[in-house]
Amino acid sequence: VRDNGVGIAPIHQGRIFEEFYQVANTERDRRRGFGLGLAIC
């Protein structure tokens, strides 16, 4: 699954599969998910 978006910095790539970890949702907008999707996947 490829996209041409903003990308993910190497410092975040090791943690994106953790629960509730979101790179670009510091305001915790629930419309942008809860940070559990990749952990479940």
ModelCIF file with pLDDT and N, C-alpha, C, O atoms, coordinates in Angstrom:
data_MODEL
#
_entry.id   MODEL 
#
_entity.id                         1 
_entity.type                       polymer 
_entity.pdbx_number_of_molecules   1 
#
_entity_poly.entity_id                      1 
_entity_poly.type                           'polypeptide(L)' 
_entity_poly.nstd_linkage                   no 
_entity_poly.nstd_monomer                   no 
_entity_poly.pdbx_seq_one_letter_code       VRDNGVGIAPIHQGRIFEEFYQVANTERDRRRGFGLGLAIC 
_entity_poly.pdbx_seq_one_letter_code_can   VRDNGVGIAPIHQGRIFEEFYQVANTERDRRRGFGLGLAIC 
_entity_poly.pdbx_strand_id                 A 
#
loop_
_entity_poly_seq.entity_id 
_entity_poly_seq.num 
_entity_poly_seq.mon_id 
_entity_poly_seq.hetero 
1 1  VAL n 
1 2  ARG n 
1 3  ASP n 
1 4  ASN n 
1 5  GLY n 
1 6  VAL n 
1 7  GLY n 
1 8  ILE n 
1 9  ALA n 
1 10 PRO n 
1 11 ILE n 
1 12 HIS n 
1 13 GLN n 
1 14 GLY n 
1 15 ARG n 
1 16 ILE n 
1 17 PHE n 
1 18 GLU n 
1 19 GLU n 
1 20 PHE n 
1 21 TYR n 
1 22 GLN n 
1 23 VAL n 
1 24 ALA n 
1 25 ASN n 
1 26 THR n 
1 27 GLU n 
1 28 ARG n 
1 29 ASP n 
1 30 ARG n 
1 31 ARG n 
1 32 ARG n 
1 33 GLY n 
1 34 PHE n 
1 35 GLY n 
1 36 LEU n 
1 37 GLY n 
1 38 LEU n 
1 39 ALA n 
1 40 ILE n 
1 41 CYS n 
#
_struct_asym.id          A 
_struct_asym.entity_id   1 
#
loop_
_ma_qa_metric.id 
_ma_qa_metric.mode 
_ma_qa_metric.name 
_ma_qa_metric.software_group_id 
_ma_qa_metric.type 
1 global pLDDT . pLDDT 
2 local  pLDDT . pLDDT 
#
_ma_qa_metric_global.metric_id      1 
_ma_qa_metric_global.metric_value   63.98 
_ma_qa_metric_global.model_id       1 
_ma_qa_metric_global.ordinal_id     1 
#
loop_
_ma_qa_metric_local.label_asym_id 
_ma_qa_metric_local.label_comp_id 
_ma_qa_metric_local.label_seq_id 
_ma_qa_metric_local.metric_id 
_ma_qa_metric_local.metric_value 
_ma_qa_metric_local.model_id 
_ma_qa_metric_local.ordinal_id 
A VAL 1  2 89.00 1 1  
A ARG 2  2 87.00 1 2  
A ASP 3  2 85.00 1 3  
A ASN 4  2 82.00 1 4  
A GLY 5  2 79.00 1 5  
A VAL 6  2 73.00 1 6  
A GLY 7  2 74.00 1 7  
A ILE 8  2 75.00 1 8  
A ALA 9  2 67.00 1 9  
A PRO 10 2 70.00 1 10 
A ILE 11 2 65.00 1 11 
A HIS 12 2 65.00 1 12 
A GLN 13 2 62.00 1 13 
A GLY 14 2 63.00 1 14 
A ARG 15 2 63.00 1 15 
A ILE 16 2 67.00 1 16 
A PHE 17 2 65.00 1 17 
A GLU 18 2 67.00 1 18 
A GLU 19 2 58.00 1 19 
A PHE 20 2 57.00 1 20 
A TYR 21 2 57.00 1 21 
A GLN 22 2 58.00 1 22 
A VAL 23 2 55.00 1 23 
A ALA 24 2 55.00 1 24 
A ASN 25 2 49.00 1 25 
A THR 26 2 49.00 1 26 
A GLU 27 2 44.00 1 27 
A ARG 28 2 47.00 1 28 
A ASP 29 2 47.00 1 29 
A ARG 30 2 48.00 1 30 
A ARG 31 2 50.00 1 31 
A ARG 32 2 50.00 1 32 
A GLY 33 2 52.00 1 33 
A PHE 34 2 50.00 1 34 
A GLY 35 2 57.00 1 35 
A LEU 36 2 64.00 1 36 
A GLY 37 2 69.00 1 37 
A LEU 38 2 76.00 1 38 
A ALA 39 2 76.00 1 39 
A ILE 40 2 76.00 1 40 
A CYS 41 2 81.00 1 41 
#
loop_
_atom_site.group_PDB 
_atom_site.id 
_atom_site.type_symbol 
_atom_site.label_atom_id 
_atom_site.label_alt_id 
_atom_site.label_comp_id 
_atom_site.label_asym_id 
_atom_site.label_entity_id 
_atom_site.label_seq_id 
_atom_site.pdbx_PDB_ins_code 
_atom_site.Cartn_x 
_atom_site.Cartn_y 
_atom_site.Cartn_z 
_atom_site.occupancy 
_atom_site.B_iso_or_equiv 
_atom_site.pdbx_formal_charge 
_atom_site.auth_seq_id 
_atom_site.auth_comp_id 
_atom_site.auth_asym_id 
_atom_site.auth_atom_id 
_atom_site.pdbx_PDB_model_num 
ATOM 1   N N  . VAL A 1 1  ? 0.877   -1.177 0.000  1.00 89.00 ? 1  VAL A N  1 
ATOM 2   C CA . VAL A 1 1  ? 0.000   0.000  0.000  1.00 89.00 ? 1  VAL A CA 1 
ATOM 3   C C  . VAL A 1 1  ? 0.908   1.218  0.000  1.00 89.00 ? 1  VAL A C  1 
ATOM 4   O O  . VAL A 1 1  ? 1.586   1.497  0.989  1.00 89.00 ? 1  VAL A O  1 
ATOM 5   N N  . ARG A 1 2  ? 0.918   1.946  -1.122 1.00 87.00 ? 2  ARG A N  1 
ATOM 6   C CA . ARG A 1 2  ? 1.828   3.082  -1.295 1.00 87.00 ? 2  ARG A CA 1 
ATOM 7   C C  . ARG A 1 2  ? 1.037   4.379  -1.359 1.00 87.00 ? 2  ARG A C  1 
ATOM 8   O O  . ARG A 1 2  ? -0.074  4.424  -1.886 1.00 87.00 ? 2  ARG A O  1 
ATOM 9   N N  . ASP A 1 3  ? 1.625   5.415  -0.818 1.00 85.00 ? 3  ASP A N  1 
ATOM 10  C CA . ASP A 1 3  ? 1.052   6.756  -0.943 1.00 85.00 ? 3  ASP A CA 1 
ATOM 11  C C  . ASP A 1 3  ? 2.192   7.737  -1.155 1.00 85.00 ? 3  ASP A C  1 
ATOM 12  O O  . ASP A 1 3  ? 3.346   7.429  -0.858 1.00 85.00 ? 3  ASP A O  1 
ATOM 13  N N  . ASN A 1 4  ? 1.871   8.915  -1.668 1.00 82.00 ? 4  ASN A N  1 
ATOM 14  C CA . ASN A 1 4  ? 2.865   9.964  -1.878 1.00 82.00 ? 4  ASN A CA 1 
ATOM 15  C C  . ASN A 1 4  ? 2.635   11.122 -0.919 1.00 82.00 ? 4  ASN A C  1 
ATOM 16  O O  . ASN A 1 4  ? 2.729   12.292 -1.291 1.00 82.00 ? 4  ASN A O  1 
ATOM 17  N N  . GLY A 1 5  ? 2.330   10.766 0.326  1.00 79.00 ? 5  GLY A N  1 
ATOM 18  C CA . GLY A 1 5  ? 2.047   11.789 1.337  1.00 79.00 ? 5  GLY A CA 1 
ATOM 19  C C  . GLY A 1 5  ? 3.304   12.351 1.968  1.00 79.00 ? 5  GLY A C  1 
ATOM 20  O O  . GLY A 1 5  ? 4.379   12.340 1.368  1.00 79.00 ? 5  GLY A O  1 
ATOM 21  N N  . VAL A 1 6  ? 3.152   12.847 3.201  1.00 73.00 ? 6  VAL A N  1 
ATOM 22  C CA . VAL A 1 6  ? 4.249   13.548 3.870  1.00 73.00 ? 6  VAL A CA 1 
ATOM 23  C C  . VAL A 1 6  ? 5.319   12.580 4.354  1.00 73.00 ? 6  VAL A C  1 
ATOM 24  O O  . VAL A 1 6  ? 6.437   13.007 4.642  1.00 73.00 ? 6  VAL A O  1 
ATOM 25  N N  . GLY A 1 7  ? 5.011   11.291 4.452  1.00 74.00 ? 7  GLY A N  1 
ATOM 26  C CA . GLY A 1 7  ? 5.997   10.327 4.901  1.00 74.00 ? 7  GLY A CA 1 
ATOM 27  C C  . GLY A 1 7  ? 6.128   10.290 6.418  1.00 74.00 ? 7  GLY A C  1 
ATOM 28  O O  . GLY A 1 7  ? 5.504   11.070 7.138  1.00 74.00 ? 7  GLY A O  1 
ATOM 29  N N  . ILE A 1 8  ? 6.948   9.370  6.874  1.00 75.00 ? 8  ILE A N  1 
ATOM 30  C CA . ILE A 1 8  ? 7.155   9.152  8.308  1.00 75.00 ? 8  ILE A CA 1 
ATOM 31  C C  . ILE A 1 8  ? 8.646   9.254  8.586  1.00 75.00 ? 8  ILE A C  1 
ATOM 32  O O  . ILE A 1 8  ? 9.453   8.606  7.919  1.00 75.00 ? 8  ILE A O  1 
ATOM 33  N N  . ALA A 1 9  ? 9.008   10.055 9.556  1.00 67.00 ? 9  ALA A N  1 
ATOM 34  C CA . ALA A 1 9  ? 10.421  10.203 9.919  1.00 67.00 ? 9  ALA A CA 1 
ATOM 35  C C  . ALA A 1 9  ? 10.949  8.896  10.504 1.00 67.00 ? 9  ALA A C  1 
ATOM 36  O O  . ALA A 1 9  ? 10.199  8.157  11.141 1.00 67.00 ? 9  ALA A O  1 
ATOM 37  N N  . PRO A 1 10 ? 12.240  8.601  10.293 1.00 70.00 ? 10 PRO A N  1 
ATOM 38  C CA . PRO A 1 10 ? 12.793  7.338  10.837 1.00 70.00 ? 10 PRO A CA 1 
ATOM 39  C C  . PRO A 1 10 ? 12.634  7.203  12.336 1.00 70.00 ? 10 PRO A C  1 
ATOM 40  O O  . PRO A 1 10 ? 12.529  6.091  12.852 1.00 70.00 ? 10 PRO A O  1 
ATOM 41  N N  . ILE A 1 11 ? 12.613  8.336  13.050 1.00 65.00 ? 11 ILE A N  1 
ATOM 42  C CA . ILE A 1 11 ? 12.507  8.257  14.514 1.00 65.00 ? 11 ILE A CA 1 
ATOM 43  C C  . ILE A 1 11 ? 11.151  7.720  14.951 1.00 65.00 ? 11 ILE A C  1 
ATOM 44  O O  . ILE A 1 11 ? 11.023  7.176  16.048 1.00 65.00 ? 11 ILE A O  1 
ATOM 45  N N  . HIS A 1 12 ? 10.117  7.872  14.081 1.00 65.00 ? 12 HIS A N  1 
ATOM 46  C CA . HIS A 1 12 ? 8.768   7.417  14.430 1.00 65.00 ? 12 HIS A CA 1 
ATOM 47  C C  . HIS A 1 12 ? 8.440   6.034  13.873 1.00 65.00 ? 12 HIS A C  1 
ATOM 48  O O  . HIS A 1 12 ? 7.471   5.416  14.312 1.00 65.00 ? 12 HIS A O  1 
ATOM 49  N N  . GLN A 1 13 ? 9.223   5.532  12.917 1.00 62.00 ? 13 GLN A N  1 
ATOM 50  C CA . GLN A 1 13 ? 8.853   4.287  12.235 1.00 62.00 ? 13 GLN A CA 1 
ATOM 51  C C  . GLN A 1 13 ? 8.867   3.084  13.161 1.00 62.00 ? 13 GLN A C  1 
ATOM 52  O O  . GLN A 1 13 ? 8.136   2.121  12.930 1.00 62.00 ? 13 GLN A O  1 
ATOM 53  N N  . GLY A 1 14 ? 9.689   3.120  14.212 1.00 63.00 ? 14 GLY A N  1 
ATOM 54  C CA . GLY A 1 14 ? 9.734   1.997  15.136 1.00 63.00 ? 14 GLY A CA 1 
ATOM 55  C C  . GLY A 1 14 ? 8.601   1.984  16.139 1.00 63.00 ? 14 GLY A C  1 
ATOM 56  O O  . GLY A 1 14 ? 8.425   0.995  16.850 1.00 63.00 ? 14 GLY A O  1 
ATOM 57  N N  . ARG A 1 15 ? 7.808   3.083  16.219 1.00 63.00 ? 15 ARG A N  1 
ATOM 58  C CA . ARG A 1 15 ? 6.778   3.179  17.253 1.00 63.00 ? 15 ARG A CA 1 
ATOM 59  C C  . ARG A 1 15 ? 5.359   3.280  16.697 1.00 63.00 ? 15 ARG A C  1 
ATOM 60  O O  . ARG A 1 15 ? 4.399   3.332  17.466 1.00 63.00 ? 15 ARG A O  1 
ATOM 61  N N  . ILE A 1 16 ? 5.216   3.309  15.393 1.00 67.00 ? 16 ILE A N  1 
ATOM 62  C CA . ILE A 1 16 ? 3.874   3.516  14.844 1.00 67.00 ? 16 ILE A CA 1 
ATOM 63  C C  . ILE A 1 16 ? 2.972   2.315  15.081 1.00 67.00 ? 16 ILE A C  1 
ATOM 64  O O  . ILE A 1 16 ? 1.753   2.433  14.950 1.00 67.00 ? 16 ILE A O  1 
ATOM 65  N N  . PHE A 1 17 ? 3.539   1.158  15.428 1.00 65.00 ? 17 PHE A N  1 
ATOM 66  C CA . PHE A 1 17 ? 2.725   -0.016 15.701 1.00 65.00 ? 17 PHE A CA 1 
ATOM 67  C C  . PHE A 1 17 ? 2.403   -0.159 17.183 1.00 65.00 ? 17 PHE A C  1 
ATOM 68  O O  . PHE A 1 17 ? 1.861   -1.180 17.606 1.00 65.00 ? 17 PHE A O  1 
ATOM 69  N N  . GLU A 1 18 ? 2.736   0.868  17.980 1.00 67.00 ? 18 GLU A N  1 
ATOM 70  C CA . GLU A 1 18 ? 2.376   0.847  19.389 1.00 67.00 ? 18 GLU A CA 1 
ATOM 71  C C  . GLU A 1 18 ? 0.958   1.373  19.569 1.00 67.00 ? 18 GLU A C  1 
ATOM 72  O O  . GLU A 1 18 ? 0.441   2.131  18.748 1.00 67.00 ? 18 GLU A O  1 
ATOM 73  N N  . GLU A 1 19 ? 0.342   0.941  20.683 1.00 58.00 ? 19 GLU A N  1 
ATOM 74  C CA . GLU A 1 19 ? -1.018  1.387  20.953 1.00 58.00 ? 19 GLU A CA 1 
ATOM 75  C C  . GLU A 1 19 ? -1.047  2.880  21.271 1.00 58.00 ? 19 GLU A C  1 
ATOM 76  O O  . GLU A 1 19 ? -0.196  3.387  22.002 1.00 58.00 ? 19 GLU A O  1 
ATOM 77  N N  . PHE A 1 20 ? -2.043  3.577  20.710 1.00 57.00 ? 20 PHE A N  1 
ATOM 78  C CA . PHE A 1 20 ? -2.324  5.000  20.974 1.00 57.00 ? 20 PHE A CA 1 
ATOM 79  C C  . PHE A 1 20 ? -1.191  5.921  20.518 1.00 57.00 ? 20 PHE A C  1 
ATOM 80  O O  . PHE A 1 20 ? -1.142  7.080  20.931 1.00 57.00 ? 20 PHE A O  1 
ATOM 81  N N  . TYR A 1 21 ? -0.274  5.426  19.669 1.00 57.00 ? 21 TYR A N  1 
ATOM 82  C CA . TYR A 1 21 ? 0.814   6.282  19.185 1.00 57.00 ? 21 TYR A CA 1 
ATOM 83  C C  . TYR A 1 21 ? 0.426   6.830  17.820 1.00 57.00 ? 21 TYR A C  1 
ATOM 84  O O  . TYR A 1 21 ? 0.212   6.071  16.874 1.00 57.00 ? 21 TYR A O  1 
ATOM 85  N N  . GLN A 1 22 ? 0.338   8.152  17.724 1.00 58.00 ? 22 GLN A N  1 
ATOM 86  C CA . GLN A 1 22 ? 0.010   8.825  16.481 1.00 58.00 ? 22 GLN A CA 1 
ATOM 87  C C  . GLN A 1 22 ? 1.042   9.918  16.235 1.00 58.00 ? 22 GLN A C  1 
ATOM 88  O O  . GLN A 1 22 ? 1.377   10.692 17.131 1.00 58.00 ? 22 GLN A O  1 
ATOM 89  N N  . VAL A 1 23 ? 1.543   9.965  14.988 1.00 55.00 ? 23 VAL A N  1 
ATOM 90  C CA . VAL A 1 23 ? 2.625   10.906 14.665 1.00 55.00 ? 23 VAL A CA 1 
ATOM 91  C C  . VAL A 1 23 ? 2.085   12.326 14.532 1.00 55.00 ? 23 VAL A C  1 
ATOM 92  O O  . VAL A 1 23 ? 2.655   13.261 15.094 1.00 55.00 ? 23 VAL A O  1 
ATOM 93  N N  . ALA A 1 24 ? 1.006   12.491 13.803 1.00 55.00 ? 24 ALA A N  1 
ATOM 94  C CA . ALA A 1 24 ? 0.537   13.848 13.473 1.00 55.00 ? 24 ALA A CA 1 
ATOM 95  C C  . ALA A 1 24 ? -0.847  14.119 14.033 1.00 55.00 ? 24 ALA A C  1 
ATOM 96  O O  . ALA A 1 24 ? -1.675  14.733 13.360 1.00 55.00 ? 24 ALA A O  1 
ATOM 97  N N  . ASN A 1 25 ? -1.110  13.676 15.246 1.00 49.00 ? 25 ASN A N  1 
ATOM 98  C CA . ASN A 1 25 ? -2.413  13.939 15.857 1.00 49.00 ? 25 ASN A CA 1 
ATOM 99  C C  . ASN A 1 25 ? -2.203  14.274 17.329 1.00 49.00 ? 25 ASN A C  1 
ATOM 100 O O  . ASN A 1 25 ? -2.769  13.636 18.217 1.00 49.00 ? 25 ASN A O  1 
ATOM 101 N N  . THR A 1 26 ? -1.381  15.285 17.562 1.00 49.00 ? 26 THR A N  1 
ATOM 102 C CA . THR A 1 26 ? -1.090  15.659 18.948 1.00 49.00 ? 26 THR A CA 1 
ATOM 103 C C  . THR A 1 26 ? -2.309  16.213 19.656 1.00 49.00 ? 26 THR A C  1 
ATOM 104 O O  . THR A 1 26 ? -2.394  16.148 20.882 1.00 49.00 ? 26 THR A O  1 
ATOM 105 N N  . GLU A 1 27 ? -3.271  16.767 18.892 1.00 44.00 ? 27 GLU A N  1 
ATOM 106 C CA . GLU A 1 27 ? -4.466  17.313 19.527 1.00 44.00 ? 27 GLU A CA 1 
ATOM 107 C C  . GLU A 1 27 ? -5.497  16.232 19.824 1.00 44.00 ? 27 GLU A C  1 
ATOM 108 O O  . GLU A 1 27 ? -6.557  16.518 20.381 1.00 44.00 ? 27 GLU A O  1 
ATOM 109 N N  . ARG A 1 28 ? -5.178  14.949 19.440 1.00 47.00 ? 28 ARG A N  1 
ATOM 110 C CA . ARG A 1 28 ? -6.039  13.802 19.725 1.00 47.00 ? 28 ARG A CA 1 
ATOM 111 C C  . ARG A 1 28 ? -7.451  14.012 19.166 1.00 47.00 ? 28 ARG A C  1 
ATOM 112 O O  . ARG A 1 28 ? -8.446  13.847 19.873 1.00 47.00 ? 28 ARG A O  1 
ATOM 113 N N  . ASP A 1 29 ? -7.513  14.380 17.879 1.00 47.00 ? 29 ASP A N  1 
ATOM 114 C CA . ASP A 1 29 ? -8.799  14.528 17.214 1.00 47.00 ? 29 ASP A CA 1 
ATOM 115 C C  . ASP A 1 29 ? -9.359  13.126 16.954 1.00 47.00 ? 29 ASP A C  1 
ATOM 116 O O  . ASP A 1 29 ? -8.748  12.338 16.232 1.00 47.00 ? 29 ASP A O  1 
ATOM 117 N N  . ARG A 1 30 ? -10.529 12.813 17.546 1.00 48.00 ? 30 ARG A N  1 
ATOM 118 C CA . ARG A 1 30 ? -11.060 11.461 17.424 1.00 48.00 ? 30 ARG A CA 1 
ATOM 119 C C  . ARG A 1 30 ? -11.474 11.139 15.998 1.00 48.00 ? 30 ARG A C  1 
ATOM 120 O O  . ARG A 1 30 ? -11.589 9.967  15.641 1.00 48.00 ? 30 ARG A O  1 
ATOM 121 N N  . ARG A 1 31 ? -11.704 12.169 15.167 1.00 50.00 ? 31 ARG A N  1 
ATOM 122 C CA . ARG A 1 31 ? -12.056 11.899 13.779 1.00 50.00 ? 31 ARG A CA 1 
ATOM 123 C C  . ARG A 1 31 ? -10.871 11.344 12.992 1.00 50.00 ? 31 ARG A C  1 
ATOM 124 O O  . ARG A 1 31 ? -11.058 10.788 11.910 1.00 50.00 ? 31 ARG A O  1 
ATOM 125 N N  . ARG A 1 32 ? -9.671  11.484 13.516 1.00 50.00 ? 32 ARG A N  1 
ATOM 126 C CA . ARG A 1 32 ? -8.462  10.979 12.862 1.00 50.00 ? 32 ARG A CA 1 
ATOM 127 C C  . ARG A 1 32 ? -7.984  9.684  13.493 1.00 50.00 ? 32 ARG A C  1 
ATOM 128 O O  . ARG A 1 32 ? -6.834  9.284  13.310 1.00 50.00 ? 32 ARG A O  1 
ATOM 129 N N  . GLY A 1 33 ? -8.850  9.043  14.221 1.00 52.00 ? 33 GLY A N  1 
ATOM 130 C CA . GLY A 1 33 ? -8.524  7.741  14.788 1.00 52.00 ? 33 GLY A CA 1 
ATOM 131 C C  . GLY A 1 33 ? -7.993  7.857  16.203 1.00 52.00 ? 33 GLY A C  1 
ATOM 132 O O  . GLY A 1 33 ? -7.812  8.948  16.744 1.00 52.00 ? 33 GLY A O  1 
ATOM 133 N N  . PHE A 1 34 ? -7.752  6.690  16.781 1.00 50.00 ? 34 PHE A N  1 
ATOM 134 C CA . PHE A 1 34 ? -7.293  6.630  18.171 1.00 50.00 ? 34 PHE A CA 1 
ATOM 135 C C  . PHE A 1 34 ? -5.879  6.062  18.316 1.00 50.00 ? 34 PHE A C  1 
ATOM 136 O O  . PHE A 1 34 ? -5.382  5.919  19.433 1.00 50.00 ? 34 PHE A O  1 
ATOM 137 N N  . GLY A 1 35 ? -5.226  5.736  17.188 1.00 57.00 ? 35 GLY A N  1 
ATOM 138 C CA . GLY A 1 35 ? -3.879  5.181  17.277 1.00 57.00 ? 35 GLY A CA 1 
ATOM 139 C C  . GLY A 1 35 ? -3.849  3.702  17.596 1.00 57.00 ? 35 GLY A C  1 
ATOM 140 O O  . GLY A 1 35 ? -2.846  3.193  18.096 1.00 57.00 ? 35 GLY A O  1 
ATOM 141 N N  . LEU A 1 36 ? -4.940  3.005  17.314 1.00 64.00 ? 36 LEU A N  1 
ATOM 142 C CA . LEU A 1 36 ? -4.997  1.566  17.589 1.00 64.00 ? 36 LEU A CA 1 
ATOM 143 C C  . LEU A 1 36 ? -5.024  0.717  16.327 1.00 64.00 ? 36 LEU A C  1 
ATOM 144 O O  . LEU A 1 36 ? -4.846  -0.499 16.391 1.00 64.00 ? 36 LEU A O  1 
ATOM 145 N N  . GLY A 1 37 ? -5.247  1.351  15.177 1.00 69.00 ? 37 GLY A N  1 
ATOM 146 C CA . GLY A 1 37 ? -5.406  0.581  13.951 1.00 69.00 ? 37 GLY A CA 1 
ATOM 147 C C  . GLY A 1 37 ? -4.164  -0.214 13.586 1.00 69.00 ? 37 GLY A C  1 
ATOM 148 O O  . GLY A 1 37 ? -4.258  -1.416 13.334 1.00 69.00 ? 37 GLY A O  1 
ATOM 149 N N  . LEU A 1 38 ? -2.983  0.439  13.552 1.00 76.00 ? 38 LEU A N  1 
ATOM 150 C CA . LEU A 1 38 ? -1.758  -0.266 13.185 1.00 76.00 ? 38 LEU A CA 1 
ATOM 151 C C  . LEU A 1 38 ? -1.377  -1.297 14.237 1.00 76.00 ? 38 LEU A C  1 
ATOM 152 O O  . LEU A 1 38 ? -0.835  -2.350 13.901 1.00 76.00 ? 38 LEU A O  1 
ATOM 153 N N  . ALA A 1 39 ? -1.652  -1.011 15.504 1.00 76.00 ? 39 ALA A N  1 
ATOM 154 C CA . ALA A 1 39 ? -1.363  -2.000 16.548 1.00 76.00 ? 39 ALA A CA 1 
ATOM 155 C C  . ALA A 1 39 ? -2.191  -3.262 16.337 1.00 76.00 ? 39 ALA A C  1 
ATOM 156 O O  . ALA A 1 39 ? -1.689  -4.375 16.488 1.00 76.00 ? 39 ALA A O  1 
ATOM 157 N N  . ILE A 1 40 ? -3.483  -3.079 15.981 1.00 76.00 ? 40 ILE A N  1 
ATOM 158 C CA . ILE A 1 40 ? -4.336  -4.238 15.708 1.00 76.00 ? 40 ILE A CA 1 
ATOM 159 C C  . ILE A 1 40 ? -3.850  -4.965 14.454 1.00 76.00 ? 40 ILE A C  1 
ATOM 160 O O  . ILE A 1 40 ? -3.807  -6.195 14.427 1.00 76.00 ? 40 ILE A O  1 
ATOM 161 N N  . CYS A 1 41 ? -3.483  -4.207 13.416 1.00 81.00 ? 41 CYS A N  1 
ATOM 162 C CA . CYS A 1 41 ? -3.005  -4.831 12.180 1.00 81.00 ? 41 CYS A CA 1 
ATOM 163 C C  . CYS A 1 41 ? -1.733  -5.639 12.423 1.00 81.00 ? 41 CYS A C  1 
ATOM 164 O O  . CYS A 1 41 ? -1.191  -6.233 11.491 1.00 81.00 ? 41 CYS A O  1 
#
